[in-house]
mmCIF file of all heavy atoms, coordinates in Angstrom:
data_MODEL
# 
_entry.id   MODEL 
# 
loop_
_atom_site.group_PDB 
_atom_site.id 
_atom_site.type_symbol 
_atom_site.label_atom_id 
_atom_site.label_alt_id 
_atom_site.label_comp_id 
_atom_site.label_asym_id 
_atom_site.label_entity_id 
_atom_site.label_seq_id 
_atom_site.pdbx_PDB_ins_code 
_atom_site.Cartn_x 
_atom_site.Cartn_y 
_atom_site.Cartn_z 
_atom_site.occupancy 
_atom_site.B_iso_or_equiv 
_atom_site.pdbx_formal_charge 
_atom_site.auth_seq_id 
_atom_site.auth_comp_id 
_atom_site.auth_asym_id 
_atom_site.auth_atom_id 
_atom_site.pdbx_PDB_model_num 
ATOM 1   N N   . GLY A 1 1  ? 0.898   -3.881  14.990 1.00 0.00 ? 1  GLY A N   1 
ATOM 2   C CA  . GLY A 1 1  ? 1.023   -4.093  16.424 1.00 0.00 ? 1  GLY A CA  1 
ATOM 3   C C   . GLY A 1 1  ? 0.592   -2.877  17.197 1.00 0.00 ? 1  GLY A C   1 
ATOM 4   O O   . GLY A 1 1  ? 0.164   -1.866  16.627 1.00 0.00 ? 1  GLY A O   1 
ATOM 5   N N   . ASP A 1 2  ? 0.724   -2.961  18.506 1.00 0.00 ? 2  ASP A N   1 
ATOM 6   C CA  . ASP A 1 2  ? 0.287   -1.883  19.393 1.00 0.00 ? 2  ASP A CA  1 
ATOM 7   C C   . ASP A 1 2  ? 1.127   -1.980  20.662 1.00 0.00 ? 2  ASP A C   1 
ATOM 8   O O   . ASP A 1 2  ? 1.262   -3.070  21.234 1.00 0.00 ? 2  ASP A O   1 
ATOM 9   C CB  . ASP A 1 2  ? -1.202  -2.055  19.719 1.00 0.00 ? 2  ASP A CB  1 
ATOM 10  C CG  . ASP A 1 2  ? -1.798  -0.842  20.435 1.00 0.00 ? 2  ASP A CG  1 
ATOM 11  O OD1 . ASP A 1 2  ? -1.135  -0.329  21.361 1.00 0.00 ? 2  ASP A OD1 1 
ATOM 12  O OD2 . ASP A 1 2  ? -2.910  -0.438  20.078 1.00 0.00 ? 2  ASP A OD2 1 
ATOM 13  N N   . ILE A 1 3  ? 1.700   -0.863  21.101 1.00 0.00 ? 3  ILE A N   1 
ATOM 14  C CA  . ILE A 1 3  ? 2.576   -0.919  22.271 1.00 0.00 ? 3  ILE A CA  1 
ATOM 15  C C   . ILE A 1 3  ? 1.824   -1.304  23.544 1.00 0.00 ? 3  ILE A C   1 
ATOM 16  O O   . ILE A 1 3  ? 2.441   -1.714  24.525 1.00 0.00 ? 3  ILE A O   1 
ATOM 17  C CB  . ILE A 1 3  ? 3.341   0.405   22.481 1.00 0.00 ? 3  ILE A CB  1 
ATOM 18  C CG1 . ILE A 1 3  ? 2.404   1.557   22.847 1.00 0.00 ? 3  ILE A CG1 1 
ATOM 19  C CG2 . ILE A 1 3  ? 4.184   0.748   21.265 1.00 0.00 ? 3  ILE A CG2 1 
ATOM 20  C CD1 . ILE A 1 3  ? 3.139   2.805   23.318 1.00 0.00 ? 3  ILE A CD1 1 
ATOM 21  N N   . THR A 1 4  ? 0.508   -1.191  23.536 1.00 0.00 ? 4  THR A N   1 
ATOM 22  C CA  . THR A 1 4  ? -0.266  -1.611  24.708 1.00 0.00 ? 4  THR A CA  1 
ATOM 23  C C   . THR A 1 4  ? -0.570  -3.104  24.688 1.00 0.00 ? 4  THR A C   1 
ATOM 24  O O   . THR A 1 4  ? -1.164  -3.626  25.629 1.00 0.00 ? 4  THR A O   1 
ATOM 25  C CB  . THR A 1 4  ? -1.589  -0.822  24.809 1.00 0.00 ? 4  THR A CB  1 
ATOM 26  O OG1 . THR A 1 4  ? -2.427  -1.160  23.704 1.00 0.00 ? 4  THR A OG1 1 
ATOM 27  C CG2 . THR A 1 4  ? -1.333  0.675   24.819 1.00 0.00 ? 4  THR A CG2 1 
ATOM 28  N N   . GLN A 1 5  ? -0.167  -3.778  23.621 1.00 0.00 ? 5  GLN A N   1 
ATOM 29  C CA  . GLN A 1 5  ? -0.377  -5.228  23.494 1.00 0.00 ? 5  GLN A CA  1 
ATOM 30  C C   . GLN A 1 5  ? 0.980   -5.898  23.317 1.00 0.00 ? 5  GLN A C   1 
ATOM 31  O O   . GLN A 1 5  ? 1.466   -6.072  22.192 1.00 0.00 ? 5  GLN A O   1 
ATOM 32  C CB  . GLN A 1 5  ? -1.302  -5.522  22.306 1.00 0.00 ? 5  GLN A CB  1 
ATOM 33  C CG  . GLN A 1 5  ? -2.675  -4.882  22.435 1.00 0.00 ? 5  GLN A CG  1 
ATOM 34  C CD  . GLN A 1 5  ? -3.517  -5.041  21.175 1.00 0.00 ? 5  GLN A CD  1 
ATOM 35  O OE1 . GLN A 1 5  ? -3.199  -5.835  20.295 1.00 0.00 ? 5  GLN A OE1 1 
ATOM 36  N NE2 . GLN A 1 5  ? -4.581  -4.270  21.086 1.00 0.00 ? 5  GLN A NE2 1 
ATOM 37  N N   . PRO A 1 6  ? 1.628   -6.254  24.415 1.00 0.00 ? 6  PRO A N   1 
ATOM 38  C CA  . PRO A 1 6  ? 3.015   -6.736  24.343 1.00 0.00 ? 6  PRO A CA  1 
ATOM 39  C C   . PRO A 1 6  ? 3.211   -7.954  23.450 1.00 0.00 ? 6  PRO A C   1 
ATOM 40  O O   . PRO A 1 6  ? 4.287   -8.134  22.873 1.00 0.00 ? 6  PRO A O   1 
ATOM 41  C CB  . PRO A 1 6  ? 3.353   -7.051  25.809 1.00 0.00 ? 6  PRO A CB  1 
ATOM 42  C CG  . PRO A 1 6  ? 2.057   -7.094  26.539 1.00 0.00 ? 6  PRO A CG  1 
ATOM 43  C CD  . PRO A 1 6  ? 1.135   -6.184  25.804 1.00 0.00 ? 6  PRO A CD  1 
ATOM 44  N N   . GLN A 1 7  ? 2.186   -8.776  23.294 1.00 0.00 ? 7  GLN A N   1 
ATOM 45  C CA  . GLN A 1 7  ? 2.323   -9.970  22.457 1.00 0.00 ? 7  GLN A CA  1 
ATOM 46  C C   . GLN A 1 7  ? 2.510   -9.612  20.992 1.00 0.00 ? 7  GLN A C   1 
ATOM 47  O O   . GLN A 1 7  ? 2.925   -10.461 20.195 1.00 0.00 ? 7  GLN A O   1 
ATOM 48  C CB  . GLN A 1 7  ? 1.106   -10.893 22.638 1.00 0.00 ? 7  GLN A CB  1 
ATOM 49  C CG  . GLN A 1 7  ? -0.188  -10.389 22.027 1.00 0.00 ? 7  GLN A CG  1 
ATOM 50  C CD  . GLN A 1 7  ? -0.955  -9.414  22.917 1.00 0.00 ? 7  GLN A CD  1 
ATOM 51  O OE1 . GLN A 1 7  ? -0.435  -8.950  23.932 1.00 0.00 ? 7  GLN A OE1 1 
ATOM 52  N NE2 . GLN A 1 7  ? -2.193  -9.133  22.548 1.00 0.00 ? 7  GLN A NE2 1 
ATOM 53  N N   . THR A 1 8  ? 2.225   -8.370  20.603 1.00 0.00 ? 8  THR A N   1 
ATOM 54  C CA  . THR A 1 8  ? 2.382   -7.956  19.202 1.00 0.00 ? 8  THR A CA  1 
ATOM 55  C C   . THR A 1 8  ? 3.749   -7.351  18.919 1.00 0.00 ? 8  THR A C   1 
ATOM 56  O O   . THR A 1 8  ? 4.032   -6.986  17.767 1.00 0.00 ? 8  THR A O   1 
ATOM 57  C CB  . THR A 1 8  ? 1.302   -6.924  18.817 1.00 0.00 ? 8  THR A CB  1 
ATOM 58  O OG1 . THR A 1 8  ? 1.547   -5.682  19.515 1.00 0.00 ? 8  THR A OG1 1 
ATOM 59  C CG2 . THR A 1 8  ? -0.095  -7.427  19.148 1.00 0.00 ? 8  THR A CG2 1 
ATOM 60  N N   . LEU A 1 9  ? 4.613   -7.223  19.926 1.00 0.00 ? 9  LEU A N   1 
ATOM 61  C CA  . LEU A 1 9  ? 5.851   -6.468  19.759 1.00 0.00 ? 9  LEU A CA  1 
ATOM 62  C C   . LEU A 1 9  ? 7.041   -7.315  19.343 1.00 0.00 ? 9  LEU A C   1 
ATOM 63  O O   . LEU A 1 9  ? 8.024   -6.785  18.814 1.00 0.00 ? 9  LEU A O   1 
ATOM 64  C CB  . LEU A 1 9  ? 6.187   -5.710  21.051 1.00 0.00 ? 9  LEU A CB  1 
ATOM 65  C CG  . LEU A 1 9  ? 5.152   -4.668  21.490 1.00 0.00 ? 9  LEU A CG  1 
ATOM 66  C CD1 . LEU A 1 9  ? 5.597   -3.990  22.783 1.00 0.00 ? 9  LEU A CD1 1 
ATOM 67  C CD2 . LEU A 1 9  ? 4.919   -3.637  20.400 1.00 0.00 ? 9  LEU A CD2 1 
ATOM 68  N N   . ASP A 1 10 ? 6.993   -8.623  19.581 1.00 0.00 ? 10 ASP A N   1 
ATOM 69  C CA  . ASP A 1 10 ? 8.160   -9.462  19.270 1.00 0.00 ? 10 ASP A CA  1 
ATOM 70  C C   . ASP A 1 10 ? 8.532   -9.373  17.800 1.00 0.00 ? 10 ASP A C   1 
ATOM 71  O O   . ASP A 1 10 ? 9.717   -9.244  17.447 1.00 0.00 ? 10 ASP A O   1 
ATOM 72  C CB  . ASP A 1 10 ? 7.878   -10.916 19.655 1.00 0.00 ? 10 ASP A CB  1 
ATOM 73  C CG  . ASP A 1 10 ? 7.838   -11.124 21.159 1.00 0.00 ? 10 ASP A CG  1 
ATOM 74  O OD1 . ASP A 1 10 ? 8.246   -10.205 21.901 1.00 0.00 ? 10 ASP A OD1 1 
ATOM 75  O OD2 . ASP A 1 10 ? 7.408   -12.200 21.601 1.00 0.00 ? 10 ASP A OD2 1 
ATOM 76  N N   . ALA A 1 11 ? 7.550   -9.451  16.932 1.00 0.00 ? 11 ALA A N   1 
ATOM 77  C CA  . ALA A 1 11 ? 7.828   -9.410  15.493 1.00 0.00 ? 11 ALA A CA  1 
ATOM 78  C C   . ALA A 1 11 ? 8.408   -8.067  15.081 1.00 0.00 ? 11 ALA A C   1 
ATOM 79  O O   . ALA A 1 11 ? 9.263   -7.992  14.187 1.00 0.00 ? 11 ALA A O   1 
ATOM 80  C CB  . ALA A 1 11 ? 6.553   -9.696  14.706 1.00 0.00 ? 11 ALA A CB  1 
ATOM 81  N N   . ALA A 1 12 ? 7.958   -6.990  15.728 1.00 0.00 ? 12 ALA A N   1 
ATOM 82  C CA  . ALA A 1 12 ? 8.446   -5.650  15.381 1.00 0.00 ? 12 ALA A CA  1 
ATOM 83  C C   . ALA A 1 12 ? 9.904   -5.454  15.781 1.00 0.00 ? 12 ALA A C   1 
ATOM 84  O O   . ALA A 1 12 ? 10.653  -4.733  15.112 1.00 0.00 ? 12 ALA A O   1 
ATOM 85  C CB  . ALA A 1 12 ? 7.576   -4.593  16.052 1.00 0.00 ? 12 ALA A CB  1 
ATOM 86  N N   . MET A 1 13 ? 10.337  -6.098  16.867 1.00 0.00 ? 13 MET A N   1 
ATOM 87  C CA  . MET A 1 13 ? 11.701  -5.909  17.375 1.00 0.00 ? 13 MET A CA  1 
ATOM 88  C C   . MET A 1 13 ? 12.689  -6.934  16.826 1.00 0.00 ? 13 MET A C   1 
ATOM 89  O O   . MET A 1 13 ? 13.898  -6.727  16.888 1.00 0.00 ? 13 MET A O   1 
ATOM 90  C CB  . MET A 1 13 ? 11.700  -5.977  18.905 1.00 0.00 ? 13 MET A CB  1 
ATOM 91  C CG  . MET A 1 13 ? 10.708  -5.058  19.578 1.00 0.00 ? 13 MET A CG  1 
ATOM 92  S SD  . MET A 1 13 ? 10.842  -3.336  19.001 1.00 0.00 ? 13 MET A SD  1 
ATOM 93  C CE  . MET A 1 13 ? 9.358   -2.615  19.705 1.00 0.00 ? 13 MET A CE  1 
ATOM 94  N N   . GLU A 1 14 ? 12.196  -8.025  16.292 1.00 0.00 ? 14 GLU A N   1 
ATOM 95  C CA  . GLU A 1 14 ? 13.079  -9.098  15.832 1.00 0.00 ? 14 GLU A CA  1 
ATOM 96  C C   . GLU A 1 14 ? 14.067  -8.596  14.773 1.00 0.00 ? 14 GLU A C   1 
ATOM 97  O O   . GLU A 1 14 ? 13.686  -8.029  13.755 1.00 0.00 ? 14 GLU A O   1 
ATOM 98  C CB  . GLU A 1 14 ? 12.247  -10.249 15.244 1.00 0.00 ? 14 GLU A CB  1 
ATOM 99  C CG  . GLU A 1 14 ? 13.098  -11.436 14.801 1.00 0.00 ? 14 GLU A CG  1 
ATOM 100 C CD  . GLU A 1 14 ? 12.261  -12.552 14.219 1.00 0.00 ? 14 GLU A CD  1 
ATOM 101 O OE1 . GLU A 1 14 ? 11.016  -12.401 14.144 1.00 0.00 ? 14 GLU A OE1 1 
ATOM 102 O OE2 . GLU A 1 14 ? 12.840  -13.571 13.822 1.00 0.00 ? 14 GLU A OE2 1 
ATOM 103 N N   . GLY A 1 15 ? 15.341  -8.779  15.034 1.00 0.00 ? 15 GLY A N   1 
ATOM 104 C CA  . GLY A 1 15 ? 16.380  -8.394  14.082 1.00 0.00 ? 15 GLY A CA  1 
ATOM 105 C C   . GLY A 1 15 ? 16.698  -6.916  14.045 1.00 0.00 ? 15 GLY A C   1 
ATOM 106 O O   . GLY A 1 15 ? 17.550  -6.490  13.258 1.00 0.00 ? 15 GLY A O   1 
ATOM 107 N N   . ALA A 1 16 ? 16.053  -6.115  14.869 1.00 0.00 ? 16 ALA A N   1 
ATOM 108 C CA  . ALA A 1 16 ? 16.288  -4.663  14.853 1.00 0.00 ? 16 ALA A CA  1 
ATOM 109 C C   . ALA A 1 16 ? 17.609  -4.323  15.535 1.00 0.00 ? 16 ALA A C   1 
ATOM 110 O O   . ALA A 1 16 ? 17.907  -4.831  16.625 1.00 0.00 ? 16 ALA A O   1 
ATOM 111 C CB  . ALA A 1 16 ? 15.138  -3.925  15.528 1.00 0.00 ? 16 ALA A CB  1 
ATOM 112 N N   . TRP A 1 17 ? 18.384  -3.467  14.895 1.00 0.00 ? 17 TRP A N   1 
ATOM 113 C CA  . TRP A 1 17 ? 19.587  -2.911  15.537 1.00 0.00 ? 17 TRP A CA  1 
ATOM 114 C C   . TRP A 1 17 ? 19.199  -1.816  16.528 1.00 0.00 ? 17 TRP A C   1 
ATOM 115 O O   . TRP A 1 17 ? 19.730  -1.727  17.620 1.00 0.00 ? 17 TRP A O   1 
ATOM 116 C CB  . TRP A 1 17 ? 20.527  -2.348  14.473 1.00 0.00 ? 17 TRP A CB  1 
ATOM 117 C CG  . TRP A 1 17 ? 21.680  -1.579  15.046 1.00 0.00 ? 17 TRP A CG  1 
ATOM 118 C CD1 . TRP A 1 17 ? 22.845  -2.101  15.529 1.00 0.00 ? 17 TRP A CD1 1 
ATOM 119 C CD2 . TRP A 1 17 ? 21.768  -0.155  15.219 1.00 0.00 ? 17 TRP A CD2 1 
ATOM 120 N NE1 . TRP A 1 17 ? 23.661  -1.090  16.005 1.00 0.00 ? 17 TRP A NE1 1 
ATOM 121 C CE2 . TRP A 1 17 ? 23.016  0.107   15.821 1.00 0.00 ? 17 TRP A CE2 1 
ATOM 122 C CE3 . TRP A 1 17 ? 20.912  0.908   14.932 1.00 0.00 ? 17 TRP A CE3 1 
ATOM 123 C CZ2 . TRP A 1 17 ? 23.432  1.409   16.131 1.00 0.00 ? 17 TRP A CZ2 1 
ATOM 124 C CZ3 . TRP A 1 17 ? 21.318  2.197   15.241 1.00 0.00 ? 17 TRP A CZ3 1 
ATOM 125 C CH2 . TRP A 1 17 ? 22.566  2.440   15.830 1.00 0.00 ? 17 TRP A CH2 1 
ATOM 126 N N   . GLY A 1 18 ? 18.253  -0.969  16.120 1.00 0.00 ? 18 GLY A N   1 
ATOM 127 C CA  . GLY A 1 18 ? 17.828  0.142   16.964 1.00 0.00 ? 18 GLY A CA  1 
ATOM 128 C C   . GLY A 1 18 ? 16.318  0.258   17.003 1.00 0.00 ? 18 GLY A C   1 
ATOM 129 O O   . GLY A 1 18 ? 15.626  -0.169  16.073 1.00 0.00 ? 18 GLY A O   1 
ATOM 130 N N   . VAL A 1 19 ? 15.822  0.828   18.102 1.00 0.00 ? 19 VAL A N   1 
ATOM 131 C CA  . VAL A 1 19 ? 14.385  1.060   18.273 1.00 0.00 ? 19 VAL A CA  1 
ATOM 132 C C   . VAL A 1 19 ? 14.184  2.473   18.795 1.00 0.00 ? 19 VAL A C   1 
ATOM 133 O O   . VAL A 1 19 ? 14.881  2.915   19.712 1.00 0.00 ? 19 VAL A O   1 
ATOM 134 C CB  . VAL A 1 19 ? 13.752  0.044   19.251 1.00 0.00 ? 19 VAL A CB  1 
ATOM 135 C CG1 . VAL A 1 19 ? 12.312  0.440   19.581 1.00 0.00 ? 19 VAL A CG1 1 
ATOM 136 C CG2 . VAL A 1 19 ? 13.780  -1.361  18.660 1.00 0.00 ? 19 VAL A CG2 1 
ATOM 137 N N   . ILE A 1 20 ? 13.240  3.177   18.184 1.00 0.00 ? 20 ILE A N   1 
ATOM 138 C CA  . ILE A 1 20 ? 12.853  4.512   18.662 1.00 0.00 ? 20 ILE A CA  1 
ATOM 139 C C   . ILE A 1 20 ? 11.387  4.446   19.060 1.00 0.00 ? 20 ILE A C   1 
ATOM 140 O O   . ILE A 1 20 ? 10.524  4.129   18.235 1.00 0.00 ? 20 ILE A O   1 
ATOM 141 C CB  . ILE A 1 20 ? 13.059  5.579   17.573 1.00 0.00 ? 20 ILE A CB  1 
ATOM 142 C CG1 . ILE A 1 20 ? 14.538  5.642   17.177 1.00 0.00 ? 20 ILE A CG1 1 
ATOM 143 C CG2 . ILE A 1 20 ? 12.578  6.940   18.060 1.00 0.00 ? 20 ILE A CG2 1 
ATOM 144 C CD1 . ILE A 1 20 ? 14.815  6.514   15.968 1.00 0.00 ? 20 ILE A CD1 1 
ATOM 145 N N   . ASN A 1 21 ? 11.118  4.741   20.329 1.00 0.00 ? 21 ASN A N   1 
ATOM 146 C CA  . ASN A 1 21 ? 9.733   4.707   20.809 1.00 0.00 ? 21 ASN A CA  1 
ATOM 147 C C   . ASN A 1 21 ? 9.142   6.110   20.794 1.00 0.00 ? 21 ASN A C   1 
ATOM 148 O O   . ASN A 1 21 ? 9.387   6.916   21.690 1.00 0.00 ? 21 ASN A O   1 
ATOM 149 C CB  . ASN A 1 21 ? 9.658   4.131   22.228 1.00 0.00 ? 21 ASN A CB  1 
ATOM 150 C CG  . ASN A 1 21 ? 8.213   4.037   22.703 1.00 0.00 ? 21 ASN A CG  1 
ATOM 151 O OD1 . ASN A 1 21 ? 7.322   3.702   21.923 1.00 0.00 ? 21 ASN A OD1 1 
ATOM 152 N ND2 . ASN A 1 21 ? 7.982   4.354   23.964 1.00 0.00 ? 21 ASN A ND2 1 
ATOM 153 N N   . LEU A 1 22 ? 8.388   6.378   19.747 1.00 0.00 ? 22 LEU A N   1 
ATOM 154 C CA  . LEU A 1 22 ? 7.696   7.668   19.597 1.00 0.00 ? 22 LEU A CA  1 
ATOM 155 C C   . LEU A 1 22 ? 6.211   7.545   19.898 1.00 0.00 ? 22 LEU A C   1 
ATOM 156 O O   . LEU A 1 22 ? 5.508   8.543   19.987 1.00 0.00 ? 22 LEU A O   1 
ATOM 157 C CB  . LEU A 1 22 ? 7.865   8.172   18.167 1.00 0.00 ? 22 LEU A CB  1 
ATOM 158 C CG  . LEU A 1 22 ? 8.813   9.346   17.930 1.00 0.00 ? 22 LEU A CG  1 
ATOM 159 C CD1 . LEU A 1 22 ? 9.032   9.556   16.444 1.00 0.00 ? 22 LEU A CD1 1 
ATOM 160 C CD2 . LEU A 1 22 ? 8.276   10.618  18.563 1.00 0.00 ? 22 LEU A CD2 1 
ATOM 161 N N   . ALA A 1 23 ? 5.725   6.317   20.026 1.00 0.00 ? 23 ALA A N   1 
ATOM 162 C CA  . ALA A 1 23 ? 4.292   6.124   20.268 1.00 0.00 ? 23 ALA A CA  1 
ATOM 163 C C   . ALA A 1 23 ? 3.927   6.671   21.643 1.00 0.00 ? 23 ALA A C   1 
ATOM 164 O O   . ALA A 1 23 ? 4.672   6.520   22.607 1.00 0.00 ? 23 ALA A O   1 
ATOM 165 C CB  . ALA A 1 23 ? 3.932   4.642   20.179 1.00 0.00 ? 23 ALA A CB  1 
ATOM 166 N N   . GLY A 1 24 ? 2.791   7.305   21.702 1.00 0.00 ? 24 GLY A N   1 
ATOM 167 C CA  . GLY A 1 24 ? 2.329   7.842   22.983 1.00 0.00 ? 24 GLY A CA  1 
ATOM 168 C C   . GLY A 1 24 ? 1.037   8.599   22.798 1.00 0.00 ? 24 GLY A C   1 
ATOM 169 O O   . GLY A 1 24 ? 0.611   8.859   21.669 1.00 0.00 ? 24 GLY A O   1 
ATOM 170 N N   . TYR A 1 25 ? 0.438   8.941   23.925 1.00 0.00 ? 25 TYR A N   1 
ATOM 171 C CA  . TYR A 1 25 ? -0.795  9.726   23.893 1.00 0.00 ? 25 TYR A CA  1 
ATOM 172 C C   . TYR A 1 25 ? -0.425  11.158  24.224 1.00 0.00 ? 25 TYR A C   1 
ATOM 173 O O   . TYR A 1 25 ? -0.227  11.523  25.381 1.00 0.00 ? 25 TYR A O   1 
ATOM 174 C CB  . TYR A 1 25 ? -1.815  9.167   24.883 1.00 0.00 ? 25 TYR A CB  1 
ATOM 175 C CG  . TYR A 1 25 ? -3.170  9.835   24.784 1.00 0.00 ? 25 TYR A CG  1 
ATOM 176 C CD1 . TYR A 1 25 ? -3.902  9.800   23.605 1.00 0.00 ? 25 TYR A CD1 1 
ATOM 177 C CD2 . TYR A 1 25 ? -3.718  10.510  25.872 1.00 0.00 ? 25 TYR A CD2 1 
ATOM 178 C CE1 . TYR A 1 25 ? -5.134  10.422  23.500 1.00 0.00 ? 25 TYR A CE1 1 
ATOM 179 C CE2 . TYR A 1 25 ? -4.964  11.127  25.789 1.00 0.00 ? 25 TYR A CE2 1 
ATOM 180 C CZ  . TYR A 1 25 ? -5.655  11.079  24.600 1.00 0.00 ? 25 TYR A CZ  1 
ATOM 181 O OH  . TYR A 1 25 ? -6.880  11.702  24.499 1.00 0.00 ? 25 TYR A OH  1 
ATOM 182 N N   . ARG A 1 26 ? -0.288  11.997  23.181 1.00 0.00 ? 26 ARG A N   1 
ATOM 183 C CA  . ARG A 1 26 ? 0.151   13.388  23.329 1.00 0.00 ? 26 ARG A CA  1 
ATOM 184 C C   . ARG A 1 26 ? -1.080  14.282  23.365 1.00 0.00 ? 26 ARG A C   1 
ATOM 185 O O   . ARG A 1 26 ? -1.498  14.840  22.360 1.00 0.00 ? 26 ARG A O   1 
ATOM 186 C CB  . ARG A 1 26 ? 1.079   13.756  22.155 1.00 0.00 ? 26 ARG A CB  1 
ATOM 187 C CG  . ARG A 1 26 ? 1.645   15.180  22.218 1.00 0.00 ? 26 ARG A CG  1 
ATOM 188 C CD  . ARG A 1 26 ? 2.676   15.401  21.138 1.00 0.00 ? 26 ARG A CD  1 
ATOM 189 N NE  . ARG A 1 26 ? 2.126   15.391  19.786 1.00 0.00 ? 26 ARG A NE  1 
ATOM 190 C CZ  . ARG A 1 26 ? 1.767   16.482  19.103 1.00 0.00 ? 26 ARG A CZ  1 
ATOM 191 N NH1 . ARG A 1 26 ? 1.867   17.680  19.654 1.00 0.00 ? 26 ARG A NH1 1 
ATOM 192 N NH2 . ARG A 1 26 ? 1.301   16.364  17.874 1.00 0.00 ? 26 ARG A NH2 1 
ATOM 193 N N   . GLU A 1 27 ? -1.637  14.413  24.526 1.00 0.00 ? 27 GLU A N   1 
ATOM 194 C CA  . GLU A 1 27 ? -2.858  15.198  24.711 1.00 0.00 ? 27 GLU A CA  1 
ATOM 195 C C   . GLU A 1 27 ? -2.916  15.711  26.149 1.00 0.00 ? 27 GLU A C   1 
ATOM 196 O O   . GLU A 1 27 ? -2.090  15.355  26.978 1.00 0.00 ? 27 GLU A O   1 
ATOM 197 C CB  . GLU A 1 27 ? -4.090  14.324  24.427 1.00 0.00 ? 27 GLU A CB  1 
ATOM 198 C CG  . GLU A 1 27 ? -4.882  14.742  23.185 1.00 0.00 ? 27 GLU A CG  1 
ATOM 199 C CD  . GLU A 1 27 ? -5.605  16.075  23.332 1.00 0.00 ? 27 GLU A CD  1 
ATOM 200 O OE1 . GLU A 1 27 ? -5.468  16.734  24.396 1.00 0.00 ? 27 GLU A OE1 1 
ATOM 201 O OE2 . GLU A 1 27 ? -6.307  16.466  22.397 1.00 0.00 ? 27 GLU A OE2 1 
ATOM 202 N N   . PHE A 1 28 ? -3.892  16.578  26.411 1.00 0.00 ? 28 PHE A N   1 
ATOM 203 C CA  . PHE A 1 28 ? -4.120  17.074  27.767 1.00 0.00 ? 28 PHE A CA  1 
ATOM 204 C C   . PHE A 1 28 ? -5.519  16.715  28.267 1.00 0.00 ? 28 PHE A C   1 
ATOM 205 O O   . PHE A 1 28 ? -5.976  17.259  29.264 1.00 0.00 ? 28 PHE A O   1 
ATOM 206 C CB  . PHE A 1 28 ? -3.915  18.592  27.827 1.00 0.00 ? 28 PHE A CB  1 
ATOM 207 C CG  . PHE A 1 28 ? -2.467  18.984  27.798 1.00 0.00 ? 28 PHE A CG  1 
ATOM 208 C CD1 . PHE A 1 28 ? -1.837  19.291  26.596 1.00 0.00 ? 28 PHE A CD1 1 
ATOM 209 C CD2 . PHE A 1 28 ? -1.718  19.030  28.959 1.00 0.00 ? 28 PHE A CD2 1 
ATOM 210 C CE1 . PHE A 1 28 ? -0.504  19.640  26.558 1.00 0.00 ? 28 PHE A CE1 1 
ATOM 211 C CE2 . PHE A 1 28 ? -0.382  19.387  28.949 1.00 0.00 ? 28 PHE A CE2 1 
ATOM 212 C CZ  . PHE A 1 28 ? 0.232   19.686  27.738 1.00 0.00 ? 28 PHE A CZ  1 
ATOM 213 N N   . TRP A 1 29 ? -6.163  15.802  27.551 1.00 0.00 ? 29 TRP A N   1 
ATOM 214 C CA  . TRP A 1 29 ? -7.473  15.333  28.008 1.00 0.00 ? 29 TRP A CA  1 
ATOM 215 C C   . TRP A 1 29 ? -7.710  13.925  27.516 1.00 0.00 ? 29 TRP A C   1 
ATOM 216 O O   . TRP A 1 29 ? -7.303  13.548  26.412 1.00 0.00 ? 29 TRP A O   1 
ATOM 217 C CB  . TRP A 1 29 ? -8.596  16.231  27.480 1.00 0.00 ? 29 TRP A CB  1 
ATOM 218 C CG  . TRP A 1 29 ? -9.953  15.748  27.938 1.00 0.00 ? 29 TRP A CG  1 
ATOM 219 C CD1 . TRP A 1 29 ? -10.531 15.948  29.159 1.00 0.00 ? 29 TRP A CD1 1 
ATOM 220 C CD2 . TRP A 1 29 ? -10.878 14.948  27.191 1.00 0.00 ? 29 TRP A CD2 1 
ATOM 221 N NE1 . TRP A 1 29 ? -11.758 15.327  29.224 1.00 0.00 ? 29 TRP A NE1 1 
ATOM 222 C CE2 . TRP A 1 29 ? -11.999 14.707  28.028 1.00 0.00 ? 29 TRP A CE2 1 
ATOM 223 C CE3 . TRP A 1 29 ? -10.874 14.421  25.905 1.00 0.00 ? 29 TRP A CE3 1 
ATOM 224 C CZ2 . TRP A 1 29 ? -13.090 13.960  27.613 1.00 0.00 ? 29 TRP A CZ2 1 
ATOM 225 C CZ3 . TRP A 1 29 ? -11.961 13.669  25.490 1.00 0.00 ? 29 TRP A CZ3 1 
ATOM 226 C CH2 . TRP A 1 29 ? -13.061 13.453  26.344 1.00 0.00 ? 29 TRP A CH2 1 
ATOM 227 N N   . ALA A 1 30 ? -8.335  13.139  28.369 1.00 0.00 ? 30 ALA A N   1 
ATOM 228 C CA  . ALA A 1 30 ? -8.816  11.814  27.980 1.00 0.00 ? 30 ALA A CA  1 
ATOM 229 C C   . ALA A 1 30 ? -10.079 11.546  28.783 1.00 0.00 ? 30 ALA A C   1 
ATOM 230 O O   . ALA A 1 30 ? -10.162 11.902  29.966 1.00 0.00 ? 30 ALA A O   1 
ATOM 231 C CB  . ALA A 1 30 ? -7.772  10.737  28.268 1.00 0.00 ? 30 ALA A CB  1 
ATOM 232 N N   . ARG A 1 31 ? -11.055 10.954  28.135 1.00 0.00 ? 31 ARG A N   1 
ATOM 233 C CA  . ARG A 1 31 ? -12.297 10.635  28.842 1.00 0.00 ? 31 ARG A CA  1 
ATOM 234 C C   . ARG A 1 31 ? -12.011 9.711   30.030 1.00 0.00 ? 31 ARG A C   1 
ATOM 235 O O   . ARG A 1 31 ? -12.571 9.868   31.116 1.00 0.00 ? 31 ARG A O   1 
ATOM 236 C CB  . ARG A 1 31 ? -13.286 9.981   27.881 1.00 0.00 ? 31 ARG A CB  1 
ATOM 237 C CG  . ARG A 1 31 ? -14.681 9.828   28.477 1.00 0.00 ? 31 ARG A CG  1 
ATOM 238 C CD  . ARG A 1 31 ? -15.651 9.276   27.448 1.00 0.00 ? 31 ARG A CD  1 
ATOM 239 N NE  . ARG A 1 31 ? -17.028 9.382   27.891 1.00 0.00 ? 31 ARG A NE  1 
ATOM 240 C CZ  . ARG A 1 31 ? -18.066 8.996   27.174 1.00 0.00 ? 31 ARG A CZ  1 
ATOM 241 N NH1 . ARG A 1 31 ? -17.874 8.485   25.956 1.00 0.00 ? 31 ARG A NH1 1 
ATOM 242 N NH2 . ARG A 1 31 ? -19.299 9.130   27.641 1.00 0.00 ? 31 ARG A NH2 1 
ATOM 243 N N   . ASP A 1 32 ? -11.104 8.760   29.811 1.00 0.00 ? 32 ASP A N   1 
ATOM 244 C CA  . ASP A 1 32 ? -10.642 7.873   30.867 1.00 0.00 ? 32 ASP A CA  1 
ATOM 245 C C   . ASP A 1 32 ? -9.171  8.182   31.113 1.00 0.00 ? 32 ASP A C   1 
ATOM 246 O O   . ASP A 1 32 ? -8.311  7.896   30.266 1.00 0.00 ? 32 ASP A O   1 
ATOM 247 C CB  . ASP A 1 32 ? -10.822 6.416   30.434 1.00 0.00 ? 32 ASP A CB  1 
ATOM 248 C CG  . ASP A 1 32 ? -10.342 5.434   31.495 1.00 0.00 ? 32 ASP A CG  1 
ATOM 249 O OD1 . ASP A 1 32 ? -9.859  5.880   32.554 1.00 0.00 ? 32 ASP A OD1 1 
ATOM 250 O OD2 . ASP A 1 32 ? -10.449 4.218   31.252 1.00 0.00 ? 32 ASP A OD2 1 
# 
């Protein structure tokens, strides 16, 4: 899945007691 594609997240969260969101763009430059 991908956090930028919400339709892919249901399966990842199903039945989870806890969720840790570490995904992110950790940078100081992006072309866009």
